Amino acid sequence: MRSLGIVRKVDHLGRIVIPKELRKSLQLDKGDPIEIFAEEDRIILRKYQVNKACFITGEVTNENKELSNGLFISPQGAKILLEQLQDYV
């Protein structure tokens, strides 16, 4: 992960401002959904891509696979679906 040398303070409501240049380079527009992840001492923000979200978990990962009907499923979603199907049969 590379540092951009940008520092922002958290305001009294817990908000931070993502610099305009960064929003522009990431194609983030007003109202776009953002996923938030916590990893050790890091907060990771990622543009949420609804059209590639797992139809079971809602996760957007690089490992999501598109099914023949245009839906996407994540590895965790596939595991949940398989367990439920095994219980059903």
C-alpha atoms as a PDB file:
ATOM      1  CA  MET A   1       0.000   0.000   0.000  1.00  0.00           C
ATOM      2  CA  ARG A   2       1.500   3.326  -0.988  1.00  0.00           C
ATOM      3  CA  SER A   3       1.211   6.529   1.011  1.00  0.00           C
ATOM      4  CA  LEU A   4      -0.218   9.555  -0.748  1.00  0.00           C
ATOM      5  CA  GLY A   5       1.060  11.939   1.914  1.00  0.00           C
ATOM      6  CA  ILE A   6      -2.457  13.224   2.588  1.00  0.00           C
ATOM      7  CA  VAL A   7      -3.616  13.717   6.166  1.00  0.00           C
ATOM      8  CA  ARG A   8      -7.189  14.513   7.172  1.00  0.00           C
ATOM      9  CA  LYS A   9      -8.745  14.986  10.606  1.00  0.00           C
ATOM     10  CA  VAL A  10     -11.898  13.231  11.758  1.00  0.00           C
ATOM     11  CA  ASP A  11     -14.604  15.809  12.540  1.00  0.00           C
ATOM     12  CA  HIS A  12     -16.912  15.786  15.564  1.00  0.00           C
ATOM     13  CA  LEU A  13     -19.394  13.532  13.689  1.00  0.00           C
ATOM     14  CA  GLY A  14     -16.698  10.979  12.785  1.00  0.00           C
ATOM     15  CA  ARG A  15     -16.423  12.068   9.147  1.00  0.00           C
ATOM     16  CA  ILE A  16     -13.375  12.532   6.968  1.00  0.00           C
ATOM     17  CA  VAL A  17     -13.134  14.229   3.591  1.00  0.00           C
ATOM     18  CA  ILE A  18     -11.681  12.262   0.686  1.00  0.00           C
ATOM     19  CA  PRO A  19      -9.633  14.769  -1.367  1.00  0.00           C
ATOM     20  CA  LYS A  20     -11.154  15.817  -4.689  1.00  0.00           C
ATOM     21  CA  GLU A  21      -8.138  14.578  -6.683  1.00  0.00           C
ATOM     22  CA  LEU A  22      -8.451  11.119  -5.146  1.00  0.00           C
ATOM     23  CA  ARG A  23     -12.224  10.974  -5.702  1.00  0.00           C
ATOM     24  CA  LYS A  24     -11.670  11.984  -9.313  1.00  0.00           C
ATOM     25  CA  SER A  25      -8.955   9.379  -9.938  1.00  0.00           C
ATOM     26  CA  LEU A  26     -11.126   6.651  -8.359  1.00  0.00           C
ATOM     27  CA  GLN A  27     -14.235   7.878 -10.218  1.00  0.00           C
ATOM     28  CA  LEU A  28     -16.152   8.437  -6.965  1.00  0.00           C
ATOM     29  CA  ASP A  29     -19.180  10.651  -7.362  1.00  0.00           C
ATOM     30  CA  LYS A  30     -21.480  12.185  -4.772  1.00  0.00           C
ATOM     31  CA  GLY A  31     -23.749   9.458  -3.405  1.00  0.00           C
ATOM     32  CA  ASP A  32     -21.600   6.519  -4.566  1.00  0.00           C
ATOM     33  CA  PRO A  33     -21.613   3.643  -2.056  1.00  0.00           C
ATOM     34  CA  ILE A  34     -18.305   2.830  -0.362  1.00  0.00           C
ATOM     35  CA  GLU A  35     -17.367  -0.429   1.380  1.00  0.00           C
ATOM     36  CA  ILE A  36     -15.471  -0.083   4.655  1.00  0.00           C
ATOM     37  CA  PHE A  37     -13.065  -2.733   5.926  1.00  0.00           C
ATOM     38  CA  ALA A  38     -10.916  -2.890   9.065  1.00  0.00           C
ATOM     39  CA  GLU A  39      -7.613  -4.754   8.884  1.00  0.00           C
ATOM     40  CA  GLU A  40      -5.357  -4.596  11.943  1.00  0.00           C
ATOM     41  CA  ASP A  41      -4.700  -0.862  12.374  1.00  0.00           C
ATOM     42  CA  ARG A  42      -5.983   0.114   8.904  1.00  0.00           C
ATOM     43  CA  ILE A  43      -9.301   1.310   7.557  1.00  0.00           C
ATOM     44  CA  ILE A  44      -9.776   0.373   3.906  1.00  0.00           C
ATOM     45  CA  LEU A  45     -12.317   2.125   1.702  1.00  0.00           C
ATOM     46  CA  ARG A  46     -13.370   0.612  -1.607  1.00  0.00           C
ATOM     47  CA  LYS A  47     -15.946   1.687  -4.157  1.00  0.00           C
ATOM     48  CA  TYR A  48     -18.897  -0.674  -3.810  1.00  0.00           C
ATOM     49  CA  GLN A  49     -19.840  -2.305  -7.101  1.00  0.00           C
ATOM     50  CA  VAL A  50     -23.439  -3.404  -6.703  1.00  0.00           C
ATOM     51  CA  ASN A  51     -23.557  -5.242 -10.024  1.00  0.00           C
ATOM     52  CA  LYS A  52     -20.747  -7.581  -8.889  1.00  0.00           C
ATOM     53  CA  ALA A  53     -21.991  -8.121  -5.333  1.00  0.00           C
ATOM     54  CA  CYS A  54     -22.657 -11.667  -4.128  1.00  0.00           C
ATOM     55  CA  PHE A  55     -26.407 -12.291  -4.147  1.00  0.00           C
ATOM     56  CA  ILE A  56     -26.116 -14.141  -0.814  1.00  0.00           C
ATOM     57  CA  THR A  57     -23.624 -12.125   1.260  1.00  0.00           C
ATOM     58  CA  GLY A  58     -23.495  -8.804  -0.586  1.00  0.00           C
ATOM     59  CA  GLU A  59     -19.684  -9.029  -0.672  1.00  0.00           C
ATOM     60  CA  VAL A  60     -17.720  -7.620  -3.581  1.00  0.00           C
ATOM     61  CA  THR A  61     -14.434  -9.481  -3.947  1.00  0.00           C
ATOM     62  CA  ASN A  62     -12.040 -10.230  -6.787  1.00  0.00           C
ATOM     63  CA  GLU A  63     -12.912 -13.897  -6.253  1.00  0.00           C
ATOM     64  CA  ASN A  64     -16.638 -13.461  -7.030  1.00  0.00           C
ATOM     65  CA  LYS A  65     -17.798 -15.628  -9.914  1.00  0.00           C
ATOM     66  CA  GLU A  66     -20.592 -14.800 -12.322  1.00  0.00           C
ATOM     67  CA  LEU A  67     -23.256 -17.477 -12.637  1.00  0.00           C
ATOM     68  CA  SER A  68     -25.078 -18.237 -15.883  1.00  0.00           C
ATOM     69  CA  ASN A  69     -28.050 -16.091 -14.869  1.00  0.00           C
ATOM     70  CA  GLY A  70     -25.909 -12.951 -14.403  1.00  0.00           C
ATOM     71  CA  LEU A  71     -25.799 -13.173 -10.624  1.00  0.00           C
ATOM     72  CA  PHE A  72     -22.498 -13.127  -8.754  1.00  0.00           C
ATOM     73  CA  ILE A  73     -21.487 -15.387  -5.877  1.00  0.00           C
ATOM     74  CA  SER A  74     -18.543 -15.017  -3.484  1.00  0.00           C
ATOM     75  CA  PRO A  75     -16.583 -17.950  -2.060  1.00  0.00           C
ATOM     76  CA  GLN A  76     -18.305 -17.408   1.305  1.00  0.00           C
ATOM     77  CA  GLY A  77     -21.711 -17.202  -0.400  1.00  0.00           C
ATOM     78  CA  ALA A  78     -21.005 -20.435  -2.270  1.00  0.00           C
ATOM     79  CA  LYS A  79     -20.116 -22.147   1.011  1.00  0.00           C
ATOM     80  CA  ILE A  80     -23.347 -20.951   2.648  1.00  0.00           C
ATOM     81  CA  LEU A  81     -25.411 -22.036  -0.374  1.00  0.00           C
ATOM     82  CA  LEU A  82     -23.754 -25.471  -0.477  1.00  0.00           C
ATOM     83  CA  GLU A  83     -24.387 -26.041   3.249  1.00  0.00           C
ATOM     84  CA  GLN A  84     -28.054 -25.077   2.853  1.00  0.00           C
ATOM     85  CA  LEU A  85     -28.466 -27.297  -0.213  1.00  0.00           C
ATOM     86  CA  GLN A  86     -26.928 -30.243   1.657  1.00  0.00           C
ATOM     87  CA  ASP A  87     -29.350 -29.671   4.535  1.00  0.00           C
ATOM     88  CA  TYR A  88     -32.242 -29.491   2.055  1.00  0.00           C
ATOM     89  CA  VAL A  89     -31.408 -32.751   0.272  1.00  0.00           C
END
